[in-house]
Amino acid sequence: MDDTCTESVIFQAAIKVFQKKGLAGARMQEIADEAGINKSMLHYYFRTKDKLFLEVFRSSLREFIGGLHSILDQEGPWEESIRNLCGYYIEFISKNPDLPLFLINEMHQQPKEYLKLVEGDQGILKTRFFKQLKAGMKKGEIRKADLAHLYVSLTSSIVFPFIGGPMIQRTVEISKENFPKFLKERNNFVSDMLIIYLKSV
């Protein structure tokens, strides 16, 4: 296995372990075991746990934000963007179920690192999608609403069921087997809810 391949295997193992356990709970030996290498080789590529963690944190955040912006800046009606955005969140988090809690926890633990990563970013509310909403509100075509509240309502409505899955399953009596179906149904439910709200001028 060449250096590039070995580093990639280590990195994928680190993503899996860090997203499950965070910086404080993860151990380098556990990452080495997950990668199928010895601990000495792990330290050869990444000398410290903190250095490896920062690489994982940066990569996870950039991957998520990058996909988000590509949707928010796409051409098309704002209704379509809402559906695409909800779909993106559900698909991405379904593939990375430990990511939301990982990012939330580590953003609290590493606030300076998070601010460094988003420094210079144009910001969610300056994307094409939110400019469309703002223009529609000005023309009276869309219900006037605070854009920050709209964004938080959308994201929290999608992300929370992934974070609070066990509690939701028990509270509203959804079986573990049916819960993935419930999560997929959130796409249309949340999209319709926001679109109907914004069109009720």
N, C-alpha and C. Protein backbone atom coordinates (compact mmCIF):
# COMPACT_ATOMS: atom_id res chain seq x y z
N MET A 1 0.85 -1.20 0.00
CA MET A 1 0.00 0.00 0.00
C MET A 1 0.88 1.24 0.00
N ASP A 2 0.69 2.16 -0.99
CA ASP A 2 1.53 3.35 -1.05
C ASP A 2 1.09 4.37 -0.02
N ASP A 3 1.92 5.45 0.13
CA ASP A 3 1.67 6.45 1.16
C ASP A 3 0.31 7.12 1.02
N THR A 4 -0.05 7.47 -0.23
CA THR A 4 -1.32 8.16 -0.45
C THR A 4 -2.50 7.27 -0.06
N CYS A 5 -2.43 6.01 -0.43
CA CYS A 5 -3.49 5.06 -0.12
C CYS A 5 -3.60 4.83 1.38
N THR A 6 -2.45 4.67 2.03
CA THR A 6 -2.43 4.46 3.48
C THR A 6 -3.03 5.65 4.22
N GLU A 7 -2.65 6.84 3.80
CA GLU A 7 -3.16 8.06 4.43
C GLU A 7 -4.67 8.16 4.26
N SER A 8 -5.16 7.78 3.09
CA SER A 8 -6.59 7.82 2.83
C SER A 8 -7.34 6.83 3.72
N VAL A 9 -6.78 5.63 3.89
CA VAL A 9 -7.40 4.61 4.75
C VAL A 9 -7.45 5.11 6.19
N ILE A 10 -6.36 5.71 6.65
CA ILE A 10 -6.31 6.26 8.01
C ILE A 10 -7.37 7.34 8.18
N PHE A 11 -7.46 8.20 7.18
CA PHE A 11 -8.38 9.33 7.26
C PHE A 11 -9.83 8.86 7.34
N GLN A 12 -10.18 7.87 6.54
CA GLN A 12 -11.55 7.34 6.56
C GLN A 12 -11.84 6.67 7.90
N ALA A 13 -10.85 5.99 8.46
CA ALA A 13 -11.01 5.37 9.77
C ALA A 13 -11.19 6.43 10.85
N ALA A 14 -10.42 7.50 10.73
CA ALA A 14 -10.49 8.60 11.70
C ALA A 14 -11.86 9.29 11.64
N ILE A 15 -12.38 9.48 10.44
CA ILE A 15 -13.71 10.07 10.29
C ILE A 15 -14.74 9.24 11.05
N LYS A 16 -14.69 7.94 10.85
CA LYS A 16 -15.65 7.03 11.49
C LYS A 16 -15.55 7.10 13.01
N VAL A 17 -14.33 7.06 13.53
CA VAL A 17 -14.14 7.05 14.99
C VAL A 17 -14.45 8.42 15.60
N PHE A 18 -13.95 9.48 14.99
CA PHE A 18 -14.17 10.82 15.55
C PHE A 18 -15.65 11.21 15.51
N GLN A 19 -16.33 10.87 14.43
CA GLN A 19 -17.74 11.25 14.34
C GLN A 19 -18.58 10.51 15.37
N LYS A 20 -18.15 9.33 15.76
CA LYS A 20 -18.88 8.57 16.78
C LYS A 20 -18.53 9.03 18.19
N LYS A 21 -17.24 9.37 18.41
CA LYS A 21 -16.79 9.59 19.78
C LYS A 21 -16.25 11.00 20.06
N GLY A 22 -16.04 11.80 19.01
CA GLY A 22 -15.52 13.14 19.23
C GLY A 22 -14.04 13.13 19.59
N LEU A 23 -13.49 14.30 19.76
CA LEU A 23 -12.06 14.41 20.08
C LEU A 23 -11.73 13.79 21.43
N ALA A 24 -12.52 14.10 22.44
CA ALA A 24 -12.21 13.63 23.79
C ALA A 24 -12.34 12.12 23.93
N GLY A 25 -13.33 11.53 23.25
CA GLY A 25 -13.58 10.10 23.44
C GLY A 25 -12.77 9.18 22.55
N ALA A 26 -12.25 9.70 21.45
CA ALA A 26 -11.50 8.86 20.50
C ALA A 26 -10.09 8.56 21.01
N ARG A 27 -9.57 7.39 20.62
CA ARG A 27 -8.21 6.99 20.97
C ARG A 27 -7.46 6.64 19.69
N MET A 28 -6.18 6.99 19.66
CA MET A 28 -5.38 6.72 18.46
C MET A 28 -5.30 5.22 18.18
N GLN A 29 -5.25 4.40 19.21
CA GLN A 29 -5.20 2.95 19.02
C GLN A 29 -6.48 2.46 18.33
N GLU A 30 -7.60 3.06 18.70
CA GLU A 30 -8.88 2.68 18.10
C GLU A 30 -8.89 3.04 16.61
N ILE A 31 -8.33 4.20 16.27
CA ILE A 31 -8.25 4.62 14.87
C ILE A 31 -7.32 3.69 14.09
N ALA A 32 -6.20 3.33 14.70
CA ALA A 32 -5.26 2.41 14.06
C ALA A 32 -5.91 1.06 13.81
N ASP A 33 -6.66 0.57 14.79
CA ASP A 33 -7.35 -0.72 14.65
C ASP A 33 -8.38 -0.65 13.52
N GLU A 34 -9.12 0.46 13.47
CA GLU A 34 -10.14 0.64 12.43
C GLU A 34 -9.50 0.68 11.05
N ALA A 35 -8.29 1.26 10.96
CA ALA A 35 -7.57 1.37 9.68
C ALA A 35 -6.82 0.10 9.33
N GLY A 36 -6.68 -0.80 10.29
CA GLY A 36 -5.97 -2.05 10.05
C GLY A 36 -4.46 -1.88 10.00
N ILE A 37 -3.95 -0.93 10.77
CA ILE A 37 -2.50 -0.67 10.83
C ILE A 37 -2.07 -0.63 12.30
N ASN A 38 -0.75 -0.58 12.52
CA ASN A 38 -0.31 -0.46 13.90
C ASN A 38 -0.22 1.02 14.30
N LYS A 39 -0.14 1.25 15.59
CA LYS A 39 -0.17 2.62 16.11
C LYS A 39 1.04 3.43 15.67
N SER A 40 2.18 2.78 15.52
CA SER A 40 3.41 3.47 15.08
C SER A 40 3.23 4.05 13.68
N MET A 41 2.61 3.28 12.80
CA MET A 41 2.37 3.76 11.44
C MET A 41 1.40 4.94 11.45
N LEU A 42 0.40 4.86 12.32
CA LEU A 42 -0.56 5.97 12.43
C LEU A 42 0.16 7.25 12.83
N HIS A 43 1.06 7.16 13.80
CA HIS A 43 1.80 8.34 14.25
C HIS A 43 2.79 8.83 13.20
N TYR A 44 3.21 7.97 12.31
CA TYR A 44 4.10 8.38 11.22
C TYR A 44 3.38 9.35 10.29
N TYR A 45 2.09 9.07 10.04
CA TYR A 45 1.32 9.93 9.13
C TYR A 45 0.70 11.13 9.86
N PHE A 46 0.24 10.89 11.06
CA PHE A 46 -0.37 11.97 11.85
C PHE A 46 0.21 11.89 13.26
N ARG A 47 1.07 12.83 13.56
CA ARG A 47 1.85 12.75 14.81
C ARG A 47 0.99 12.86 16.06
N THR A 48 -0.08 13.63 16.00
CA THR A 48 -0.91 13.80 17.20
C THR A 48 -2.39 13.59 16.87
N LYS A 49 -3.13 13.25 17.89
CA LYS A 49 -4.58 13.08 17.74
C LYS A 49 -5.23 14.42 17.37
N ASP A 50 -4.75 15.50 17.97
CA ASP A 50 -5.32 16.82 17.70
C ASP A 50 -5.16 17.20 16.23
N LYS A 51 -4.00 16.89 15.66
CA LYS A 51 -3.75 17.23 14.25
C LYS A 51 -4.68 16.43 13.34
N LEU A 52 -4.83 15.15 13.62
CA LEU A 52 -5.70 14.30 12.82
C LEU A 52 -7.15 14.74 12.97
N PHE A 53 -7.53 15.07 14.20
CA PHE A 53 -8.90 15.52 14.43
C PHE A 53 -9.23 16.79 13.65
N LEU A 54 -8.33 17.75 13.65
CA LEU A 54 -8.57 19.00 12.94
C LEU A 54 -8.77 18.76 11.44
N GLU A 55 -8.01 17.82 10.90
CA GLU A 55 -8.17 17.49 9.49
C GLU A 55 -9.56 16.89 9.23
N VAL A 56 -10.00 16.02 10.12
CA VAL A 56 -11.32 15.41 9.99
C VAL A 56 -12.42 16.46 10.15
N PHE A 57 -12.28 17.31 11.14
CA PHE A 57 -13.27 18.36 11.41
C PHE A 57 -13.40 19.30 10.22
N ARG A 58 -12.25 19.74 9.70
CA ARG A 58 -12.26 20.64 8.55
C ARG A 58 -12.89 19.97 7.34
N SER A 59 -12.50 18.74 7.08
CA SER A 59 -13.02 18.01 5.92
C SER A 59 -14.53 17.82 6.02
N SER A 60 -15.01 17.43 7.20
CA SER A 60 -16.44 17.18 7.40
C SER A 60 -17.25 18.47 7.19
N LEU A 61 -16.75 19.55 7.76
CA LEU A 61 -17.46 20.82 7.66
C LEU A 61 -17.46 21.36 6.24
N ARG A 62 -16.31 21.27 5.58
CA ARG A 62 -16.21 21.77 4.20
C ARG A 62 -17.11 20.97 3.25
N GLU A 63 -17.14 19.66 3.44
CA GLU A 63 -17.97 18.82 2.58
C GLU A 63 -19.44 19.19 2.73
N PHE A 64 -19.85 19.39 3.96
CA PHE A 64 -21.24 19.72 4.23
C PHE A 64 -21.61 21.11 3.70
N ILE A 65 -20.79 22.10 4.02
CA ILE A 65 -21.07 23.48 3.60
C ILE A 65 -20.99 23.62 2.08
N GLY A 66 -20.03 22.93 1.47
CA GLY A 66 -19.87 23.00 0.02
C GLY A 66 -21.12 22.55 -0.72
N GLY A 67 -21.69 21.43 -0.30
CA GLY A 67 -22.90 20.92 -0.92
C GLY A 67 -24.09 21.83 -0.69
N LEU A 68 -24.12 22.42 0.48
CA LEU A 68 -25.20 23.33 0.85
C LEU A 68 -25.22 24.56 -0.06
N HIS A 69 -24.06 25.15 -0.24
CA HIS A 69 -23.96 26.36 -1.07
C HIS A 69 -24.27 26.08 -2.54
N SER A 70 -23.90 24.90 -3.01
CA SER A 70 -24.16 24.58 -4.41
C SER A 70 -25.67 24.56 -4.69
N ILE A 71 -26.45 24.15 -3.71
CA ILE A 71 -27.91 24.14 -3.86
C ILE A 71 -28.48 25.54 -3.71
N LEU A 72 -28.01 26.27 -2.73
CA LEU A 72 -28.55 27.61 -2.47
C LEU A 72 -28.21 28.61 -3.58
N ASP A 73 -27.21 28.31 -4.39
CA ASP A 73 -26.83 29.21 -5.48
C ASP A 73 -27.27 28.69 -6.85
N GLN A 74 -28.02 27.61 -6.89
CA GLN A 74 -28.42 27.04 -8.17
C GLN A 74 -29.54 27.86 -8.83
N GLU A 75 -29.64 27.72 -10.14
CA GLU A 75 -30.71 28.38 -10.89
C GLU A 75 -32.03 27.64 -10.65
N GLY A 76 -33.13 28.34 -10.82
CA GLY A 76 -34.43 27.70 -10.70
C GLY A 76 -35.33 28.39 -9.71
N PRO A 77 -36.60 27.99 -9.66
CA PRO A 77 -37.56 28.59 -8.74
C PRO A 77 -37.18 28.33 -7.29
N TRP A 78 -37.58 29.24 -6.40
CA TRP A 78 -37.22 29.09 -4.99
C TRP A 78 -37.90 27.86 -4.37
N GLU A 79 -39.09 27.50 -4.88
CA GLU A 79 -39.77 26.30 -4.37
C GLU A 79 -38.92 25.05 -4.61
N GLU A 80 -38.31 24.99 -5.78
CA GLU A 80 -37.46 23.85 -6.12
C GLU A 80 -36.22 23.81 -5.21
N SER A 81 -35.70 24.99 -4.91
CA SER A 81 -34.52 25.06 -4.03
C SER A 81 -34.85 24.54 -2.63
N ILE A 82 -36.04 24.84 -2.14
CA ILE A 82 -36.44 24.34 -0.82
C ILE A 82 -36.49 22.81 -0.83
N ARG A 83 -37.08 22.24 -1.87
CA ARG A 83 -37.17 20.78 -1.94
C ARG A 83 -35.77 20.16 -2.08
N ASN A 84 -34.94 20.78 -2.90
CA ASN A 84 -33.57 20.26 -3.08
C ASN A 84 -32.76 20.37 -1.80
N LEU A 85 -32.98 21.46 -1.07
CA LEU A 85 -32.25 21.67 0.18
C LEU A 85 -32.64 20.63 1.22
N CYS A 86 -33.94 20.41 1.37
CA CYS A 86 -34.41 19.39 2.31
C CYS A 86 -33.88 18.01 1.91
N GLY A 87 -33.94 17.74 0.61
CA GLY A 87 -33.44 16.46 0.11
C GLY A 87 -31.96 16.28 0.35
N TYR A 88 -31.20 17.36 0.18
CA TYR A 88 -29.75 17.30 0.40
C TYR A 88 -29.45 16.97 1.85
N TYR A 89 -30.10 17.67 2.77
CA TYR A 89 -29.88 17.43 4.19
C TYR A 89 -30.17 15.97 4.54
N ILE A 90 -31.31 15.48 4.09
CA ILE A 90 -31.70 14.12 4.44
C ILE A 90 -30.75 13.08 3.84
N GLU A 91 -30.40 13.25 2.57
CA GLU A 91 -29.50 12.29 1.92
C GLU A 91 -28.11 12.32 2.54
N PHE A 92 -27.59 13.52 2.77
CA PHE A 92 -26.23 13.66 3.31
C PHE A 92 -26.15 13.09 4.73
N ILE A 93 -27.12 13.44 5.56
CA ILE A 93 -27.07 12.97 6.95
C ILE A 93 -27.37 11.49 7.05
N SER A 94 -28.22 10.98 6.15
CA SER A 94 -28.49 9.53 6.15
C SER A 94 -27.21 8.74 5.88
N LYS A 95 -26.35 9.30 5.03
CA LYS A 95 -25.07 8.65 4.73
C LYS A 95 -24.04 8.89 5.83
N ASN A 96 -24.24 9.96 6.61
CA ASN A 96 -23.30 10.32 7.68
C ASN A 96 -24.08 10.58 8.96
N PRO A 97 -24.74 9.56 9.52
CA PRO A 97 -25.67 9.76 10.64
C PRO A 97 -25.04 10.34 11.91
N ASP A 98 -23.74 10.17 12.08
CA ASP A 98 -23.09 10.70 13.29
C ASP A 98 -22.60 12.13 13.10
N LEU A 99 -22.68 12.64 11.87
CA LEU A 99 -22.10 13.95 11.56
C LEU A 99 -22.77 15.12 12.27
N PRO A 100 -24.11 15.24 12.31
CA PRO A 100 -24.72 16.43 12.94
C PRO A 100 -24.29 16.64 14.37
N LEU A 101 -24.38 15.58 15.18
CA LEU A 101 -24.02 15.69 16.59
C LEU A 101 -22.52 15.96 16.74
N PHE A 102 -21.73 15.33 15.87
CA PHE A 102 -20.28 15.55 15.89
C PHE A 102 -19.95 17.02 15.65
N LEU A 103 -20.54 17.61 14.59
CA LEU A 103 -20.26 19.01 14.27
C LEU A 103 -20.76 19.95 15.36
N ILE A 104 -21.95 19.68 15.88
CA ILE A 104 -22.50 20.53 16.92
C ILE A 104 -21.62 20.51 18.17
N ASN A 105 -21.27 19.30 18.60
CA ASN A 105 -20.43 19.17 19.80
C ASN A 105 -19.08 19.83 19.62
N GLU A 106 -18.45 19.57 18.48
CA GLU A 106 -17.09 20.07 18.29
C GLU A 106 -17.07 21.56 17.97
N MET A 107 -18.16 22.11 17.40
CA MET A 107 -18.21 23.56 17.20
C MET A 107 -18.26 24.28 18.54
N HIS A 108 -18.89 23.63 19.52
CA HIS A 108 -18.91 24.20 20.87
C HIS A 108 -17.54 24.07 21.53
N GLN A 109 -16.86 22.96 21.25
CA GLN A 109 -15.55 22.72 21.85
C GLN A 109 -14.44 23.47 21.13
N GLN A 110 -14.62 23.68 19.80
CA GLN A 110 -13.59 24.30 18.97
C GLN A 110 -14.16 25.53 18.22
N PRO A 111 -14.72 26.50 18.93
CA PRO A 111 -15.36 27.63 18.25
C PRO A 111 -14.40 28.44 17.37
N LYS A 112 -13.17 28.59 17.81
CA LYS A 112 -12.19 29.37 17.03
C LYS A 112 -11.87 28.67 15.72
N GLU A 113 -11.75 27.36 15.77
CA GLU A 113 -11.45 26.60 14.55
C GLU A 113 -12.61 26.70 13.57
N TYR A 114 -13.83 26.64 14.09
CA TYR A 114 -15.00 26.77 13.22
C TYR A 114 -15.02 28.14 12.55
N LEU A 115 -14.75 29.19 13.31
CA LEU A 115 -14.76 30.55 12.76
C LEU A 115 -13.67 30.72 11.70
N LYS A 116 -12.54 30.07 11.88
CA LYS A 116 -11.47 30.13 10.88
C LYS A 116 -11.93 29.50 9.57
N LEU A 117 -12.66 28.39 9.67
CA LEU A 117 -13.11 27.68 8.47
C LEU A 117 -14.13 28.47 7.68
N VAL A 118 -14.99 29.21 8.36
CA VAL A 118 -16.03 29.96 7.66
C VAL A 118 -15.65 31.41 7.40
N GLU A 119 -14.45 31.80 7.82
CA GLU A 119 -14.00 33.17 7.59
C GLU A 119 -13.91 33.43 6.08
N GLY A 120 -14.49 34.52 5.65
CA GLY A 120 -14.47 34.85 4.23
C GLY A 120 -15.62 34.25 3.46
N ASP A 121 -16.37 33.36 4.11
CA ASP A 121 -17.54 32.76 3.46
C ASP A 121 -18.61 33.83 3.30
N GLN A 122 -19.29 33.84 2.16
CA GLN A 122 -20.26 34.89 1.89
C GLN A 122 -21.48 34.83 2.81
N GLY A 123 -21.71 33.71 3.43
CA GLY A 123 -22.85 33.59 4.33
C GLY A 123 -24.07 33.03 3.62
N ILE A 124 -24.82 32.22 4.34
CA ILE A 124 -26.00 31.56 3.79
C ILE A 124 -27.02 32.56 3.25
N LEU A 125 -27.26 33.64 3.99
CA LEU A 125 -28.32 34.57 3.63
C LEU A 125 -27.98 35.44 2.42
N LYS A 126 -26.75 35.32 1.91
CA LYS A 126 -26.36 36.09 0.72
C LYS A 126 -26.38 35.24 -0.54
N THR A 127 -26.84 34.02 -0.42
CA THR A 127 -26.90 33.13 -1.58
C THR A 127 -28.09 33.50 -2.47
N ARG A 128 -28.10 32.95 -3.68
CA ARG A 128 -29.14 33.25 -4.66
C ARG A 128 -30.54 32.93 -4.13
N PHE A 129 -30.69 31.82 -3.44
CA PHE A 129 -31.97 31.40 -2.92
C PHE A 129 -32.58 32.46 -2.00
N PHE A 130 -31.79 32.94 -1.07
CA PHE A 130 -32.33 33.93 -0.12
C PHE A 130 -32.53 35.29 -0.78
N LYS A 131 -31.74 35.59 -1.79
CA LYS A 131 -31.98 36.83 -2.56
C LYS A 131 -33.32 36.73 -3.30
N GLN A 132 -33.63 35.53 -3.82
CA GLN A 132 -34.92 35.31 -4.47
C GLN A 132 -36.08 35.55 -3.49
N LEU A 133 -35.94 34.99 -2.29
CA LEU A 133 -36.99 35.16 -1.29
C LEU A 133 -37.17 36.63 -0.93
N LYS A 134 -36.06 37.31 -0.75
CA LYS A 134 -36.10 38.73 -0.38
C LYS A 134 -36.79 39.55 -1.46
N ALA A 135 -36.45 39.26 -2.74
CA ALA A 135 -37.06 39.98 -3.86
C ALA A 135 -38.55 39.69 -3.94
N GLY A 136 -38.93 38.43 -3.72
CA GLY A 136 -40.34 38.05 -3.75
C GLY A 136 -41.14 38.72 -2.64
N MET A 137 -40.53 38.85 -1.48
CA MET A 137 -41.18 39.52 -0.35
C MET A 137 -41.39 41.00 -0.66
N LYS A 138 -40.40 41.60 -1.28
CA LYS A 138 -40.47 43.02 -1.63
C LYS A 138 -41.59 43.29 -2.63
N LYS A 139 -41.80 42.35 -3.56
CA LYS A 139 -42.85 42.50 -4.58
C LYS A 139 -44.23 42.09 -4.05
N GLY A 140 -44.26 41.52 -2.86
CA GLY A 140 -45.53 41.08 -2.30
C GLY A 140 -45.96 39.72 -2.80
N GLU A 141 -45.05 38.99 -3.45
CA GLU A 141 -45.36 37.66 -3.99
C GLU A 141 -45.16 36.56 -2.95
N ILE A 142 -44.33 36.85 -1.97
CA ILE A 142 -44.00 35.89 -0.92
C ILE A 142 -44.29 36.55 0.43
N ARG A 143 -44.78 35.76 1.34
CA ARG A 143 -45.06 36.26 2.69
C ARG A 143 -43.79 36.82 3.33
N LYS A 144 -43.91 37.98 3.95
CA LYS A 144 -42.75 38.58 4.61
C LYS A 144 -42.40 37.78 5.85
N ALA A 145 -41.13 37.43 5.96
CA ALA A 145 -40.65 36.65 7.10
C ALA A 145 -39.17 36.89 7.29
N ASP A 146 -38.71 36.71 8.49
CA ASP A 146 -37.29 36.87 8.79
C ASP A 146 -36.52 35.70 8.17
N LEU A 147 -35.54 36.02 7.32
CA LEU A 147 -34.81 34.98 6.59
C LEU A 147 -34.02 34.05 7.52
N ALA A 148 -33.49 34.61 8.59
CA ALA A 148 -32.73 33.79 9.54
C ALA A 148 -33.65 32.76 10.20
N HIS A 149 -34.85 33.19 10.56
CA HIS A 149 -35.81 32.27 11.17
C HIS A 149 -36.22 31.18 10.18
N LEU A 150 -36.39 31.56 8.92
CA LEU A 150 -36.76 30.58 7.90
C LEU A 150 -35.69 29.51 7.76
N TYR A 151 -34.44 29.95 7.70
CA TYR A 151 -33.34 29.00 7.53
C TYR A 151 -33.22 28.07 8.74
N VAL A 152 -33.31 28.64 9.93
CA VAL A 152 -33.20 27.83 11.14
C VAL A 152 -34.37 26.86 11.25
N SER A 153 -35.57 27.32 10.86
CA SER A 153 -36.74 26.44 10.90
C SER A 153 -36.57 25.26 9.95
N LEU A 154 -36.06 25.54 8.76
CA LEU A 154 -35.85 24.48 7.78
C LEU A 154 -34.82 23.46 8.28
N THR A 155 -33.66 23.95 8.67
CA THR A 155 -32.58 23.04 9.05
C THR A 155 -32.93 22.25 10.31
N SER A 156 -33.49 22.92 11.30
CA SER A 156 -33.81 22.22 12.54
C SER A 156 -34.89 21.17 12.33
N SER A 157 -35.86 21.47 11.45
CA SER A 157 -36.93 20.51 11.18
C SER A 157 -36.40 19.23 10.53
N ILE A 158 -35.32 19.36 9.77
CA ILE A 158 -34.72 18.20 9.11
C ILE A 158 -33.70 17.51 10.01
N VAL A 159 -32.83 18.29 10.64
CA VAL A 159 -31.70 17.73 11.38
C VAL A 159 -32.11 17.11 12.71
N PHE A 160 -33.06 17.75 13.41
CA PHE A 160 -33.40 17.27 14.76
C PHE A 160 -33.83 15.80 14.81
N PRO A 161 -34.67 15.32 13.86
CA PRO A 161 -35.06 13.91 13.93
C PRO A 161 -33.87 12.94 13.88
N PHE A 162 -32.80 13.35 13.20
CA PHE A 162 -31.60 12.49 13.15
C PHE A 162 -30.90 12.48 14.51
N ILE A 163 -30.85 13.64 15.16
CA ILE A 163 -30.18 13.73 16.45
C ILE A 163 -31.02 13.11 17.56
N GLY A 164 -32.32 13.38 17.52
CA GLY A 164 -33.21 12.90 18.58
C GLY A 164 -34.01 11.67 18.21
N GLY A 165 -33.45 10.84 17.32
CA GLY A 165 -34.15 9.67 16.83
C GLY A 165 -34.78 8.78 17.89
N PRO A 166 -34.02 8.28 18.87
CA PRO A 166 -34.60 7.38 19.89
C PRO A 166 -35.76 8.02 20.66
N MET A 167 -35.61 9.31 20.98
CA MET A 167 -36.67 10.00 21.72
C MET A 167 -37.94 10.13 20.87
N ILE A 168 -37.77 10.48 19.59
CA ILE A 168 -38.91 10.63 18.68
C ILE A 168 -39.60 9.29 18.47
N GLN A 169 -38.81 8.24 18.26
CA GLN A 169 -39.38 6.90 18.06
C GLN A 169 -40.29 6.52 19.22
N ARG A 170 -39.84 6.80 20.43
CA ARG A 170 -40.62 6.43 21.62
C ARG A 170 -41.83 7.35 21.80
N THR A 171 -41.62 8.66 21.60
CA THR A 171 -42.67 9.65 21.85
C THR A 171 -43.86 9.49 20.90
N VAL A 172 -43.58 9.32 19.61
CA VAL A 172 -44.67 9.23 18.63
C VAL A 172 -44.90 7.80 18.13
N GLU A 173 -44.27 6.86 18.82
CA GLU A 173 -44.49 5.42 18.58
C GLU A 173 -44.19 5.02 17.14
N ILE A 174 -42.97 5.30 16.71
CA ILE A 174 -42.49 4.83 15.41
C ILE A 174 -41.45 3.75 15.67
N SER A 175 -41.60 2.61 15.03
CA SER A 175 -40.64 1.52 15.25
C SER A 175 -39.30 1.86 14.63
N LYS A 176 -38.26 1.23 15.14
CA LYS A 176 -36.92 1.45 14.60
C LYS A 176 -36.86 1.08 13.13
N GLU A 177 -37.60 0.05 12.73
CA GLU A 177 -37.61 -0.41 11.34
C GLU A 177 -38.27 0.61 10.41
N ASN A 178 -39.28 1.34 10.92
CA ASN A 178 -40.01 2.31 10.10
C ASN A 178 -39.42 3.72 10.16
N PHE A 179 -38.45 3.91 11.04
CA PHE A 179 -37.92 5.26 11.23
C PHE A 179 -37.20 5.80 9.98
N PRO A 180 -36.42 4.99 9.25
CA PRO A 180 -35.80 5.52 8.01
C PRO A 180 -36.84 6.03 7.01
N LYS A 181 -37.97 5.35 6.93
CA LYS A 181 -39.06 5.79 6.04
C LYS A 181 -39.61 7.13 6.53
N PHE A 182 -39.76 7.27 7.83
CA PHE A 182 -40.23 8.52 8.42
C PHE A 182 -39.28 9.67 8.08
N LEU A 183 -37.98 9.42 8.16
CA LEU A 183 -36.99 10.46 7.85
C LEU A 183 -37.08 10.90 6.39
N LYS A 184 -37.27 9.95 5.49
CA LYS A 184 -37.40 10.29 4.08
C LYS A 184 -38.66 11.10 3.82
N GLU A 185 -39.73 10.78 4.55
CA GLU A 185 -40.99 11.51 4.40
C GLU A 185 -40.87 12.95 4.86
N ARG A 186 -39.88 13.24 5.69
CA ARG A 186 -39.66 14.62 6.16
C ARG A 186 -39.36 15.56 5.01
N ASN A 187 -38.80 15.04 3.93
CA ASN A 187 -38.46 15.87 2.77
C ASN A 187 -39.70 16.61 2.26
N ASN A 188 -40.72 15.84 1.86
CA ASN A 188 -41.94 16.46 1.34
C ASN A 188 -42.71 17.22 2.41
N PHE A 189 -42.74 16.68 3.62
CA PHE A 189 -43.51 17.33 4.68
C PHE A 189 -42.96 18.72 5.00
N VAL A 190 -41.66 18.81 5.24
CA VAL A 190 -41.06 20.10 5.60
C VAL A 190 -41.07 21.05 4.40
N SER A 191 -40.79 20.53 3.21
CA SER A 191 -40.83 21.36 2.00
C SER A 191 -42.22 21.97 1.80
N ASP A 192 -43.24 21.12 1.85
CA ASP A 192 -44.62 21.60 1.66
C ASP A 192 -45.00 22.62 2.73
N MET A 193 -44.63 22.36 3.95
CA MET A 193 -44.96 23.25 5.05
C MET A 193 -44.39 24.65 4.82
N LEU A 194 -43.12 24.74 4.42
CA LEU A 194 -42.48 26.03 4.19
C LEU A 194 -43.02 26.73 2.95
N ILE A 195 -43.22 25.96 1.89
CA ILE A 195 -43.72 26.55 0.64
C ILE A 195 -45.13 27.11 0.84
N ILE A 196 -46.00 26.34 1.49
CA ILE A 196 -47.37 26.81 1.77
C ILE A 196 -47.34 28.05 2.64
N TYR A 197 -46.48 28.05 3.64
CA TYR A 197 -46.36 29.22 4.54
C TYR A 197 -45.93 30.46 3.76
N LEU A 198 -44.91 30.33 2.92
CA LEU A 198 -44.39 31.49 2.18
C LEU A 198 -45.36 31.98 1.11
N LYS A 199 -46.20 31.09 0.60
CA LYS A 199 -47.15 31.50 -0.43
C LYS A 199 -48.45 32.07 0.14
N SER A 200 -48.60 31.95 1.44
CA SER A 200 -49.83 32.48 2.07
C SER A 200 -49.68 33.97 2.34
N VAL A 201 -49.64 34.73 1.27
CA VAL A 201 -49.44 36.20 1.38
C VAL A 201 -50.70 36.85 1.93
